[in-house]
């Protein structure tokens, strides 16, 4: 049996938290309880009572049909998280490790100083999973990339599908903004994916799970730690929990899994072209939220 860390991409099992399920796939019996997955050889001698299996089968029928492995890379987050009472950085909660211990305060900002080529540009923070790509342990016939990831000494193949128009989106964003990849994923998965995705060197920096603030069960991307003026920072993310400290800086996008007719990234390009010319980001972002109802 092998314990696998709760999903490399940092997306919590919100939709599975109330269930304890057993599923057989690829010769493995996968047991999910809360935020961890236990893998054991699929056989009749696993030692788990048949009644529990029956209960799990009923529960599985209520869930969306998707591989348990696939959920390790999907957006299952708790959106019912209350925002902090103030936007002041002094009111933010202390940084907390997953084991409950306090993190040391950052000695410096997350980003290096602006380069000459980016001087005067606004900073756009872009999420990875379900914003730009969808990744799964389950084989995808039309995967754009296959990335090997080591988990507890075993190499697993991760199948990555690019969101439609992601290439055009990234190229244009790189021309207009200082772009930063910021993901709750583990670097050992997200870094090689970014290498394959960003062929043009659009991302000036890459930030991973360790750069997030673990707050009320979510990995939050605290924009105040970037070292950039907040009135010139935008975050593009499919998960409201990611930007709960700075919702007024967000461009929300729909979670993407496999719809190849999706045009959201392409549709956002004209908006960002206009935003790049503004003195500050809040006015246009406020209008966008009013128009979309987010």
Protein backbone atom coordinates (compact mmCIF):
# COMPACT_ATOMS: atom_id res chain seq x y z
CA UNK A 1 0.00 0.00 0.00
CA UNK A 2 1.18 3.49 -0.76
CA UNK A 3 -0.02 6.79 0.67
CA UNK A 4 -0.19 9.52 -1.95
CA UNK A 5 -0.02 13.15 -0.84
CA UNK A 6 -3.37 14.86 -1.28
CA UNK A 7 -3.30 15.88 -4.93
CA UNK A 8 -0.18 17.46 -6.31
CA UNK A 9 -2.10 20.47 -7.57
CA UNK A 10 -3.28 21.65 -4.16
CA UNK A 11 -6.98 21.36 -4.93
CA UNK A 12 -8.95 20.03 -1.95
CA UNK A 13 -11.43 17.18 -2.17
CA UNK A 14 -14.45 19.35 -1.30
CA UNK A 15 -16.89 17.23 -3.25
CA UNK A 16 -15.58 14.03 -1.65
CA UNK A 17 -15.14 15.11 1.97
CA UNK A 18 -18.37 13.50 3.16
CA UNK A 19 -17.71 10.17 1.50
CA UNK A 20 -15.43 7.21 2.06
CA UNK A 21 -15.12 5.45 -1.27
CA UNK A 22 -13.48 2.41 -2.79
CA UNK A 23 -12.87 2.20 -6.51
CA UNK A 24 -10.90 -0.23 -8.66
CA UNK A 25 -8.93 1.22 -11.51
CA UNK A 26 -5.78 0.18 -13.36
CA UNK A 27 -5.32 -2.80 -11.01
CA UNK A 28 -5.54 -0.67 -7.87
CA UNK A 29 -8.15 -0.27 -5.16
CA UNK A 30 -8.31 3.45 -4.41
CA UNK A 31 -9.67 4.56 -1.06
CA UNK A 32 -10.43 8.20 -0.50
CA UNK A 33 -11.14 9.70 2.87
CA UNK A 34 -11.01 13.45 3.20
CA UNK A 35 -7.81 14.56 1.53
CA UNK A 36 -5.66 11.43 1.12
CA UNK A 37 -5.73 8.44 -1.20
CA UNK A 38 -4.64 4.93 -0.14
CA UNK A 39 -3.60 2.65 -2.98
CA UNK A 40 -3.62 -1.14 -2.59
CA UNK A 41 -3.55 -3.99 -5.14
CA UNK A 42 -7.07 -4.65 -6.40
CA UNK A 43 -8.03 -8.10 -5.17
CA UNK A 44 -10.68 -9.86 -3.15
CA UNK A 45 -8.31 -10.07 -0.20
CA UNK A 46 -7.95 -6.37 0.53
CA UNK A 47 -9.48 -6.93 3.95
CA UNK A 48 -12.25 -4.33 3.65
CA UNK A 49 -15.79 -5.44 4.54
CA UNK A 50 -18.17 -5.94 1.63
CA UNK A 51 -20.74 -3.69 3.31
CA UNK A 52 -18.31 -0.80 3.13
CA UNK A 53 -17.73 -1.48 -0.56
CA UNK A 54 -21.48 -1.48 -1.18
CA UNK A 55 -21.87 1.85 0.58
CA UNK A 56 -19.04 3.24 -1.48
CA UNK A 57 -20.57 2.05 -4.73
CA UNK A 58 -23.76 3.92 -3.86
CA UNK A 59 -21.76 7.02 -3.03
CA UNK A 60 -19.79 6.81 -6.27
CA UNK A 61 -23.00 6.88 -8.31
CA UNK A 62 -23.73 10.27 -6.80
CA UNK A 63 -20.37 11.65 -7.85
CA UNK A 64 -19.48 12.95 -11.26
CA UNK A 65 -17.98 10.15 -13.35
CA UNK A 66 -14.29 10.87 -13.11
CA UNK A 67 -11.23 8.86 -12.22
CA UNK A 68 -10.06 9.19 -8.63
CA UNK A 69 -6.61 9.82 -10.02
CA UNK A 70 -8.05 12.61 -12.14
CA UNK A 71 -9.40 14.37 -9.07
CA UNK A 72 -5.87 14.77 -7.78
CA UNK A 73 -5.42 17.53 -10.35
CA UNK A 74 -8.89 19.09 -10.43
CA UNK A 75 -10.41 22.10 -8.71
CA UNK A 76 -12.17 20.63 -5.69
CA UNK A 77 -11.98 23.55 -3.30
CA UNK A 78 -14.12 24.94 -0.56
CA UNK A 79 -15.65 28.11 -1.93
CA UNK A 80 -17.55 28.81 1.30
CA UNK A 81 -14.65 30.54 2.96
CA UNK A 82 -15.25 33.85 4.67
CA UNK A 83 -12.92 36.66 3.56
CA UNK A 84 -10.71 38.40 6.10
CA UNK A 85 -12.33 41.37 7.80
CA UNK A 86 -9.89 43.84 6.28
CA UNK A 87 -7.53 44.09 3.32
CA UNK A 88 -4.72 45.27 5.55
CA UNK A 89 -1.76 42.93 5.41
CA UNK A 90 -1.37 43.34 9.18
CA UNK A 91 -4.72 41.56 9.60
CA UNK A 92 -3.77 38.52 7.54
CA UNK A 93 -3.49 35.21 9.40
CA UNK A 94 -0.06 33.81 10.19
CA UNK A 95 1.41 31.51 7.57
CA UNK A 96 0.62 27.92 8.51
CA UNK A 97 2.26 24.72 7.34
CA UNK A 98 0.10 21.70 6.43
CA UNK A 99 1.16 20.02 9.69
CA UNK A 100 -0.22 22.93 11.70
CA UNK A 101 3.09 24.59 12.54
CA UNK A 102 3.72 28.24 11.86
CA UNK A 103 5.77 29.19 8.84
CA UNK A 104 8.54 31.72 9.24
CA UNK A 105 7.60 35.14 7.85
CA UNK A 106 9.11 35.69 4.38
CA UNK A 107 12.44 37.47 4.56
CA UNK A 108 11.75 39.21 1.24
CA UNK A 109 9.13 39.56 -1.43
CA UNK A 110 8.28 36.59 -3.63
CA UNK A 111 9.27 38.32 -6.87
CA UNK A 112 12.61 39.82 -7.87
CA UNK A 113 12.87 43.46 -8.82
CA UNK A 114 11.32 44.51 -12.11
CA UNK A 115 13.53 44.15 -15.15
CA UNK A 116 14.05 47.07 -17.49
CA UNK A 117 11.89 45.41 -20.15
CA UNK A 118 8.94 45.14 -17.74
CA UNK A 119 9.25 48.60 -16.21
CA UNK A 120 5.89 50.37 -16.31
CA UNK A 121 3.96 47.16 -17.01
CA UNK A 122 1.32 45.76 -14.73
CA UNK A 123 1.82 42.34 -13.15
CA UNK A 124 -0.53 39.50 -14.11
CA UNK A 125 -0.55 36.42 -11.87
CA UNK A 126 -1.83 33.38 -13.78
CA UNK A 127 -3.00 30.07 -12.33
CA UNK A 128 -2.18 26.73 -13.97
CA UNK A 129 -4.61 23.86 -13.28
CA UNK A 130 -8.11 24.23 -14.74
CA UNK A 131 -7.15 27.75 -15.86
CA UNK A 132 -4.53 27.00 -18.53
CA UNK A 133 -4.44 23.19 -18.52
CA UNK A 134 -6.17 20.12 -17.15
CA UNK A 135 -4.05 17.25 -15.84
CA UNK A 136 -4.92 13.67 -14.95
CA UNK A 137 -3.27 10.39 -13.98
CA UNK A 138 -5.83 8.69 -16.21
CA UNK A 139 -4.58 8.34 -19.81
CA UNK A 140 -5.94 10.98 -22.18
CA UNK A 141 -5.83 10.00 -25.85
CA UNK A 142 -5.30 13.56 -27.08
CA UNK A 143 -2.95 14.73 -24.32
CA UNK A 144 -0.64 17.57 -25.33
CA UNK A 145 2.03 16.54 -22.82
CA UNK A 146 2.86 13.48 -20.75
CA UNK A 147 4.89 14.39 -17.68
CA UNK A 148 6.54 11.80 -15.40
CA UNK A 149 6.11 12.62 -11.71
CA UNK A 150 7.74 10.72 -8.86
CA UNK A 151 5.55 9.97 -5.84
CA UNK A 152 7.00 7.98 -2.95
CA UNK A 153 9.62 6.41 -5.17
CA UNK A 154 7.20 5.47 -7.96
CA UNK A 155 7.05 7.24 -11.32
CA UNK A 156 3.54 8.15 -12.45
CA UNK A 157 2.62 9.51 -15.88
CA UNK A 158 0.60 12.72 -15.79
CA UNK A 159 -1.45 13.47 -18.90
CA UNK A 160 -1.82 17.18 -19.61
CA UNK A 161 -4.39 18.78 -21.90
CA UNK A 162 -3.99 22.42 -22.94
CA UNK A 163 -6.98 24.75 -22.79
CA UNK A 164 -8.01 26.00 -26.26
CA UNK A 165 -6.26 29.23 -27.31
CA UNK A 166 -3.80 29.08 -24.42
CA UNK A 167 -0.89 29.71 -26.80
CA UNK A 168 -2.39 32.91 -28.22
CA UNK A 169 -3.36 34.03 -24.74
CA UNK A 170 0.09 33.55 -23.24
CA UNK A 171 1.92 35.17 -26.13
CA UNK A 172 -0.24 38.29 -26.01
CA UNK A 173 -0.11 38.50 -22.23
CA UNK A 174 3.67 38.31 -22.37
CA UNK A 175 3.73 41.31 -24.69
CA UNK A 176 1.47 43.42 -22.47
CA UNK A 177 2.36 42.48 -18.89
CA UNK A 178 4.90 41.12 -16.47
CA UNK A 179 3.50 37.58 -16.24
CA UNK A 180 3.93 35.31 -13.22
CA UNK A 181 2.82 31.69 -12.93
CA UNK A 182 1.38 31.14 -9.45
CA UNK A 183 -0.01 27.71 -8.67
CA UNK A 184 -0.90 25.69 -5.59
CA UNK A 185 0.60 22.68 -7.34
CA UNK A 186 3.79 21.02 -6.25
CA UNK A 187 6.82 22.20 -8.20
CA UNK A 188 7.79 18.67 -9.22
CA UNK A 189 4.61 18.54 -11.30
CA UNK A 190 4.01 22.19 -12.25
CA UNK A 191 7.56 23.15 -13.21
CA UNK A 192 7.96 20.58 -16.03
CA UNK A 193 4.44 21.38 -17.24
CA UNK A 194 5.34 25.07 -17.39
CA UNK A 195 8.52 24.21 -19.31
CA UNK A 196 6.42 22.54 -22.00
CA UNK A 197 3.59 25.07 -21.95
CA UNK A 198 5.58 28.30 -21.99
CA UNK A 199 7.76 27.99 -25.09
CA UNK A 200 8.19 31.75 -25.34
CA UNK A 201 9.44 32.52 -21.85
CA UNK A 202 6.32 34.48 -20.95
CA UNK A 203 6.52 33.75 -17.23
CA UNK A 204 9.13 35.96 -15.59
CA UNK A 205 8.77 33.92 -12.39
CA UNK A 206 7.10 30.72 -11.20
CA UNK A 207 5.59 30.39 -7.75
CA UNK A 208 4.40 27.08 -6.32
CA UNK A 209 2.59 25.70 -3.28
CA UNK A 210 5.26 26.77 -0.81
CA UNK A 211 4.61 30.40 -1.79
CA UNK A 212 0.92 30.14 -0.85
CA UNK A 213 -0.64 30.91 2.51
CA UNK A 214 -2.47 27.91 3.96
CA UNK A 215 -5.66 29.51 5.29
CA UNK A 216 -8.81 27.69 6.43
CA UNK A 217 -8.10 24.63 4.34
CA UNK A 218 -7.13 26.48 1.18
CA UNK A 219 -3.88 27.50 -0.48
CA UNK A 220 -4.29 31.27 -0.88
CA UNK A 221 -2.16 33.40 -3.19
CA UNK A 222 -1.39 36.49 -1.14
CA UNK A 223 -0.73 39.21 -3.69
CA UNK A 224 0.65 41.57 -1.04
CA UNK A 225 3.73 39.34 -0.78
CA UNK A 226 4.70 39.75 -4.43
CA UNK A 227 6.50 43.05 -4.02
CA UNK A 228 4.35 44.87 -6.57
CA UNK A 229 1.93 47.77 -6.17
CA UNK A 230 -1.47 46.14 -5.67
CA UNK A 231 -3.24 48.68 -7.87
CA UNK A 232 -1.19 47.29 -10.75
CA UNK A 233 -1.62 43.56 -10.01
CA UNK A 234 -4.19 41.21 -11.59
CA UNK A 235 -4.77 37.54 -10.80
CA UNK A 236 -6.35 35.16 -13.34
CA UNK A 237 -7.68 32.08 -11.54
CA UNK A 238 -10.58 29.64 -11.66
CA UNK A 239 -10.76 29.31 -7.87
CA UNK A 240 -12.17 32.18 -5.75
CA UNK A 241 -10.47 30.65 -2.71
CA UNK A 242 -7.10 31.39 -4.30
CA UNK A 243 -7.59 35.15 -4.27
CA UNK A 244 -9.78 35.50 -1.20
CA UNK A 245 -7.41 38.11 0.28
CA UNK A 246 -7.65 40.31 -2.83
CA UNK A 247 -10.91 39.62 -4.72
CA UNK A 248 -10.87 43.12 -6.17
CA UNK A 249 -7.73 42.19 -8.15
CA UNK A 250 -9.21 39.09 -9.75
CA UNK A 251 -10.28 38.14 -13.24
CA UNK A 252 -12.36 35.01 -12.56
CA UNK A 253 -12.39 32.28 -15.20
CA UNK A 254 -14.47 29.14 -15.50
CA UNK A 255 -12.80 25.87 -14.54
CA UNK A 256 -11.77 23.99 -17.67
CA UNK A 257 -11.47 20.23 -18.03
CA UNK A 258 -11.91 19.04 -21.60
CA UNK A 259 -14.27 21.29 -23.60
CA UNK A 260 -12.36 21.84 -26.83
CA UNK A 261 -14.89 24.47 -27.97
CA UNK A 262 -14.01 26.73 -25.03
CA UNK A 263 -13.03 30.30 -26.04
CA UNK A 264 -12.67 32.02 -22.66
CA UNK A 265 -8.93 32.72 -22.94
CA UNK A 266 -9.35 34.07 -26.45
CA UNK A 267 -12.29 36.23 -25.37
CA UNK A 268 -10.23 37.75 -22.54
CA UNK A 269 -7.47 39.10 -24.79
CA UNK A 270 -9.31 42.32 -25.83
CA UNK A 271 -10.14 43.02 -22.18
CA UNK A 272 -6.50 42.71 -21.16
CA UNK A 273 -5.38 44.86 -24.08
CA UNK A 274 -7.57 47.63 -22.68
CA UNK A 275 -6.54 46.99 -19.09
CA UNK A 276 -2.86 47.31 -19.98
CA UNK A 277 -3.43 50.97 -20.87
CA UNK A 278 -5.16 51.91 -17.61
CA UNK A 279 -3.41 53.70 -14.77
CA UNK A 280 -4.78 51.23 -12.20
CA UNK A 281 -6.67 47.95 -12.43
CA UNK A 282 -9.60 48.38 -10.06
CA UNK A 283 -11.98 50.39 -12.27
CA UNK A 284 -11.98 47.94 -15.18
CA UNK A 285 -12.01 44.89 -12.93
CA UNK A 286 -15.01 46.28 -11.08
CA UNK A 287 -16.84 46.78 -14.38
CA UNK A 288 -15.91 43.25 -15.45
CA UNK A 289 -17.29 41.75 -12.25
CA UNK A 290 -20.52 43.72 -12.58
CA UNK A 291 -20.91 42.57 -16.17
CA UNK A 292 -20.23 38.90 -15.45
CA UNK A 293 -21.95 38.80 -12.07
CA UNK A 294 -18.86 37.44 -10.29
